[in-house]
Amino acid sequence: MALAPKLELRVGSLLEHMALGLACAGGLVLICIAGITVASIIGRNLAFAGLSPIAGDFELVEAGCAVAIFAFLPWCQLKRGHVTVDVFVDMMPSRLKAFAGLLSDAAITVMSGLILWRLWLGFGEKFPYGSDALREILGMGSKPFFPETTYELELPIWIPYGFAVIGAVFFFLVSLYTIWRALNWVITGAEASL
């Protein structure tokens, strides 16, 4: 008997909509990055006509790619889009295949928790606000002496870190959900189609 199958389906549906929205936002970030890159290259090549590259384009691309990657991870985990050895897994009986999926979901959940923890600590080192007491409660450490910014645009580093933390939190929550889903698949003896 599966563990709260109706609740698992409702939670899964909610997470799927949220993960899809986050992935679409990550896609929009990548589209903007591509536009910035194209405009900057055109500006470099048409400098003789009075155009110029976009200032700090490499900083925007770097920050945008980091944010987009963390926006895509929850959707990828929910749809089991990570790299697998399908030739080997497809030969397994359905219950063993579901158990292997459970093990991989558990491993990814551990890794997503580790990534979230380390990213949170990095965010705490960059974020220059909040009282010392609140920062201590949240495990952020002490405030930085000098808030770090990018070189050319002087964009505060904590902003892309904050967006990446949001994606990492959601990645961890989705990973926890996939353990529940995979456990139900092991109990029922077969994986449902995604």
Foldseek 3Di string as FASTA:
>chain_A
DADPVVVLVVVLVVLLVVLVVLLVVLVVLVVVLVVLVVQQVVQPVVVVVVRHRDWPSVVSNVLSVLLSVLSNLLNCLSQVVDDDDCVVLVVDFFLVSLVVQLVVLVVVLVVLVVVLVVLQQVLLAQDQDDDPVVCVVVVSDHGHPDRDADDTPRHGPNVSSVSSSVSSVSSNVSSVSSNSQSVSSNVVRHHDHD
